[in-house]
Protein backbone atom coordinates (compact mmCIF):
# COMPACT_ATOMS: atom_id res chain seq x y z
CA MET A 1 14.09 5.70 -0.42
CA TYR A 2 10.68 7.25 -0.13
CA PHE A 3 7.53 7.26 -2.22
CA ASN A 4 5.52 10.36 -3.04
CA PHE A 5 2.76 11.58 -5.32
CA THR A 6 -0.75 10.23 -5.94
CA TYR A 7 -2.09 8.40 -8.99
CA ASN A 8 -5.62 7.41 -9.94
CA HIS A 9 -6.15 4.12 -11.74
CA THR A 10 -8.97 1.72 -12.49
CA LEU A 11 -9.06 -2.03 -11.93
CA ASP A 12 -9.40 -4.03 -15.11
CA ALA A 13 -11.84 -6.95 -15.54
CA LYS A 14 -9.27 -9.37 -14.05
CA ASN A 15 -8.71 -7.28 -10.89
CA ARG A 16 -5.36 -6.02 -12.12
CA LEU A 17 -4.12 -2.60 -11.13
CA ILE A 18 -1.31 -0.66 -12.77
CA ILE A 19 1.49 0.27 -10.41
CA PRO A 20 2.95 3.56 -11.70
CA ALA A 21 6.33 3.21 -13.42
CA LYS A 22 7.94 5.65 -10.96
CA PHE A 23 6.95 3.36 -8.08
CA ARG A 24 7.94 0.16 -9.90
CA GLU A 25 11.44 1.53 -10.49
CA GLN A 26 11.88 2.04 -6.76
CA LEU A 27 10.16 -1.20 -5.69
CA GLY A 28 12.30 -3.53 -7.76
CA ASP A 29 11.15 -6.74 -9.41
CA GLU A 30 9.49 -8.24 -6.33
CA PHE A 31 7.65 -6.51 -3.52
CA VAL A 32 4.94 -7.22 -0.96
CA ILE A 33 1.31 -6.19 -0.63
CA PHE A 34 -0.68 -6.67 2.54
CA LYS A 35 -3.85 -5.52 4.24
CA ALA A 36 -3.12 -2.43 6.28
CA PRO A 37 -4.58 -1.66 9.70
CA GLU A 38 -6.50 1.07 7.88
CA LYS A 39 -8.99 0.37 5.09
CA CYS A 40 -6.28 0.19 2.42
CA LEU A 41 -3.41 -1.97 1.19
CA TYR A 42 0.26 -1.31 1.88
CA ILE A 43 3.07 -2.01 -0.58
CA TYR A 44 6.68 -2.25 0.57
CA ASP A 45 9.86 -3.03 -1.30
CA LYS A 46 11.52 -6.23 -0.02
CA LYS A 47 14.24 -4.50 2.00
CA THR A 48 11.91 -2.11 3.84
CA PHE A 49 9.41 -4.91 4.44
CA GLU A 50 12.10 -6.98 6.14
CA GLU A 51 12.77 -4.06 8.48
CA VAL A 52 9.05 -3.60 9.22
CA SER A 53 8.45 -7.32 9.70
CA ARG A 54 11.18 -7.70 12.36
CA GLN A 55 8.87 -6.27 14.98
CA PHE A 56 6.35 -9.01 14.17
CA ILE A 57 8.88 -11.85 13.86
CA ASN A 58 10.09 -11.12 17.39
CA HIS A 59 6.67 -10.52 18.89
CA PRO A 60 5.92 -12.95 21.74
CA ASN A 61 2.26 -13.35 20.77
CA ARG A 62 1.78 -15.94 18.01
CA LYS A 63 -1.66 -14.49 17.18
CA VAL A 64 -0.04 -11.16 16.34
CA GLN A 65 2.56 -12.93 14.18
CA ARG A 66 -0.08 -15.03 12.46
CA SER A 67 -2.39 -12.09 11.87
CA PHE A 68 0.37 -10.06 10.26
CA PHE A 69 2.16 -12.66 8.14
CA SER A 70 -1.03 -14.32 6.88
CA GLN A 71 -1.90 -11.01 5.17
CA VAL A 72 1.38 -10.66 3.25
CA ILE A 73 1.62 -11.57 -0.44
CA ASP A 74 4.84 -11.49 -2.46
CA VAL A 75 4.16 -10.06 -5.92
CA SER A 76 5.81 -8.79 -9.05
CA ALA A 77 4.29 -6.63 -11.76
CA ASP A 78 3.65 -8.07 -15.21
CA LYS A 79 5.17 -6.53 -18.37
CA GLN A 80 2.45 -3.85 -18.43
CA GLY A 81 3.16 -2.90 -14.80
CA ARG A 82 0.03 -4.53 -13.38
CA VAL A 83 -0.47 -6.57 -10.23
CA THR A 84 -3.46 -8.78 -9.56
CA LEU A 85 -5.32 -7.95 -6.37
CA PHE A 86 -7.12 -10.79 -4.62
CA PRO A 87 -10.83 -10.59 -3.71
CA ASP A 88 -10.10 -10.43 0.03
CA GLN A 89 -7.67 -7.53 -0.54
CA LEU A 90 -10.23 -5.66 -2.64
CA GLU A 91 -12.90 -6.25 -0.01
CA HIS A 92 -10.64 -5.08 2.81
CA ALA A 93 -9.84 -1.83 0.97
CA GLY A 94 -13.36 -1.39 -0.40
CA ILE A 95 -12.05 -1.20 -3.95
CA VAL A 96 -14.66 -1.92 -6.59
CA LYS A 97 -13.31 -0.10 -9.63
CA ASP A 98 -11.49 3.20 -9.02
CA ALA A 99 -8.33 3.14 -6.92
CA VAL A 100 -5.82 5.66 -5.66
CA ILE A 101 -2.17 4.67 -5.41
CA THR A 102 -0.29 7.08 -3.22
CA GLY A 103 3.21 7.44 -1.93
CA ALA A 104 3.35 7.54 1.87
CA GLY A 105 7.02 7.82 2.70
CA GLN A 106 8.54 4.34 3.04
CA ARG A 107 5.45 2.65 1.65
CA ILE A 108 2.84 2.91 -1.06
CA GLU A 109 -0.84 2.76 -0.20
CA ILE A 110 -3.71 1.55 -2.38
CA TRP A 111 -7.11 2.98 -1.50
CA ALA A 112 -10.61 2.94 -2.92
CA ALA A 113 -10.99 6.41 -4.41
CA GLU A 114 -13.87 7.31 -2.07
CA GLU A 115 -12.05 6.04 1.02
CA PHE A 116 -8.92 8.00 0.15
CA ALA A 117 -10.94 11.21 -0.14
CA ASN A 118 -12.34 10.57 3.36
CA ALA A 119 -8.98 9.58 4.88
CA THR A 120 -7.00 12.56 3.60
CA ILE A 121 -7.22 16.21 4.60
CA PRO A 122 -5.34 19.21 3.21
CA MET A 123 -2.10 20.02 5.04
CA SER A 124 -3.50 23.44 5.90
CA GLN A 125 -6.09 21.72 8.08
CA LEU A 126 -3.65 19.61 10.09
CA ASP A 127 -3.46 20.75 13.72
CA ASP A 128 0.21 19.94 14.24
CA ILE A 129 1.61 21.03 10.87
CA ASP A 130 3.52 23.87 12.54
CA GLU A 131 6.00 21.42 14.05
CA PHE A 132 7.44 20.81 10.58
CA ILE A 133 9.92 23.09 8.86
CA PHE A 134 9.35 23.79 5.17
């Protein structure tokens, strides 16, 4: 399974964000959101998250384990497809109102619209794009 495409959405007054139906279908009823190493949030379906989390479960440094797992929140979308983002998540990603929800292969990323524009460049400007076959 992989996620692709980019959607623009706006937080509502209760800090809820619509997860696109296409993504919800692939995620299942429950999924995880956590603060990414970048200035965004990552969403994984439960199965993929278990695979990703193995490297942290087995890490010998408890601080690494604690840092990772303390950021993870299990969520499910409401009937309108919304998830509530917590203030610390919004602060981490710099999201005030406008958000970008983008597929990034095995995960979904949630960015502040301005941050996403700064973090993304056209494929034609990537130095190592020639290593890929289209």
